[in-house]
Protein backbone atom coordinates (compact mmCIF):
# COMPACT_ATOMS: atom_id res chain seq x y z
CA MET A 1 0.00 0.00 0.00
CA PRO A 2 1.55 3.34 -1.03
CA ILE A 3 1.97 6.01 1.65
CA THR A 4 1.39 9.71 0.92
CA VAL A 5 3.20 12.21 3.16
CA HIS A 6 1.54 15.58 3.84
CA GLU A 7 3.73 18.27 5.45
CA GLY A 8 2.47 21.72 6.49
CA ASP A 9 -0.77 21.33 4.55
CA THR A 10 -4.26 22.63 5.27
CA ILE A 11 -6.57 20.05 3.73
CA ILE A 12 -10.29 20.76 3.35
CA ALA A 13 -13.17 18.39 2.51
CA SER A 14 -11.08 15.37 1.53
CA THR A 15 -11.42 11.67 2.34
CA PHE A 16 -8.54 9.59 3.70
CA VAL A 17 -7.78 6.04 4.79
CA MET A 18 -5.52 6.91 7.71
CA GLU A 19 -3.11 3.98 7.27
CA GLU A 20 -2.22 5.30 3.78
CA HIS A 21 -1.18 8.84 4.86
CA VAL A 22 1.37 10.54 7.12
CA PHE A 23 0.42 14.01 8.40
CA VAL A 24 3.13 16.36 9.74
CA ASN A 25 2.19 19.89 10.89
CA CYS A 26 -1.15 19.69 9.06
CA LYS A 27 -4.68 20.94 9.62
CA LEU A 28 -7.57 18.83 8.33
CA LYS A 29 -10.96 20.55 8.08
CA ASN A 30 -14.31 18.99 7.18
CA CYS A 31 -12.62 15.73 6.13
CA ARG A 32 -13.85 12.14 6.22
CA LEU A 33 -11.31 9.86 7.93
CA PHE A 34 -11.39 6.07 7.93
CA TYR A 35 -9.26 3.93 10.23
CA SER A 36 -9.05 0.12 10.18
CA GLY A 37 -6.55 -0.54 12.99
CA GLY A 38 -3.19 -0.39 11.18
CA THR A 39 -0.11 1.76 11.73
CA PHE A 40 -0.55 5.52 11.33
CA GLU A 41 1.52 8.64 11.91
CA TRP A 42 0.37 12.13 12.92
CA VAL A 43 2.76 14.80 14.17
CA ASN A 44 1.39 18.16 15.36
CA THR A 45 -1.79 17.71 13.31
CA THR A 46 -5.25 19.06 14.11
CA PHE A 47 -8.68 17.88 12.99
CA GLU A 48 -11.53 20.39 12.72
CA ASN A 49 -15.09 19.24 12.08
CA CYS A 50 -13.92 15.89 10.64
CA THR A 51 -15.99 12.70 10.67
CA TRP A 52 -14.45 9.37 11.58
CA GLY A 53 -15.26 5.89 10.39
CA PHE A 54 -13.76 2.92 12.22
CA ARG A 55 -13.64 -0.32 10.25
CA ASP A 56 -12.34 -3.85 10.69
CA ALA A 57 -10.16 -4.28 13.84
CA ALA A 58 -10.55 -0.62 14.88
CA GLY A 59 -14.35 -0.86 14.62
CA ASN A 60 -14.40 -4.11 16.59
CA THR A 61 -12.26 -2.55 19.33
CA LEU A 62 -14.55 0.48 19.60
CA ARG A 63 -17.66 -1.70 19.77
CA LEU A 64 -16.07 -3.76 22.57
CA ALA A 65 -15.03 -0.62 24.49
CA MET A 66 -18.59 0.76 24.25
CA THR A 67 -20.12 -2.57 25.25
CA ILE A 68 -18.06 -2.81 28.43
CA GLY A 69 -18.46 0.89 29.26
CA MET A 70 -14.96 2.16 28.50
CA LEU A 71 -16.32 4.62 25.89
CA LYS A 72 -19.61 6.43 25.65
CA GLN A 73 -21.73 6.25 22.50
CA GLY A 74 -20.91 9.26 20.31
CA GLN A 75 -17.64 10.11 22.08
CA THR A 76 -15.25 11.65 19.56
CA PRO A 77 -11.45 11.79 19.32
CA PRO A 78 -9.74 15.00 20.49
CA THR A 79 -9.22 17.69 17.85
CA ASN A 80 -5.50 18.07 18.54
CA LEU A 81 -3.65 14.83 19.01
CA SER A 82 -0.43 16.50 20.17
CA ALA A 83 -1.82 16.19 23.69
CA ILE A 84 -1.80 12.41 23.27
CA THR A 85 1.38 11.98 21.24
CA GLY A 86 3.48 14.75 22.71
CA GLY A 87 3.74 16.09 19.17
CA THR A 88 6.52 13.70 18.19
CA GLY A 89 6.86 10.39 16.44
CA PRO A 90 4.34 7.92 15.16
CA VAL A 91 1.23 6.91 17.01
CA ASN A 92 0.48 3.19 16.68
């Protein structure tokens, strides 16, 4: 699977499979993002008004977490993932 690297981009109204893209210092606005549970990399990237779709292993994990009460229905990821990643390196 080819990987596309985005650096310093503001991307509006696009659709991505997250395992196929690397985002460094980017801002995604009004995008559709799909994640299946594979390796991904975001560095200092923000997400504004994006919708998420979780498929395959990622979807199964979310359904389990909701079933056992670890996540609430409709809970969304944070808009700035630097708080989680420390702004450096890949998140897997």
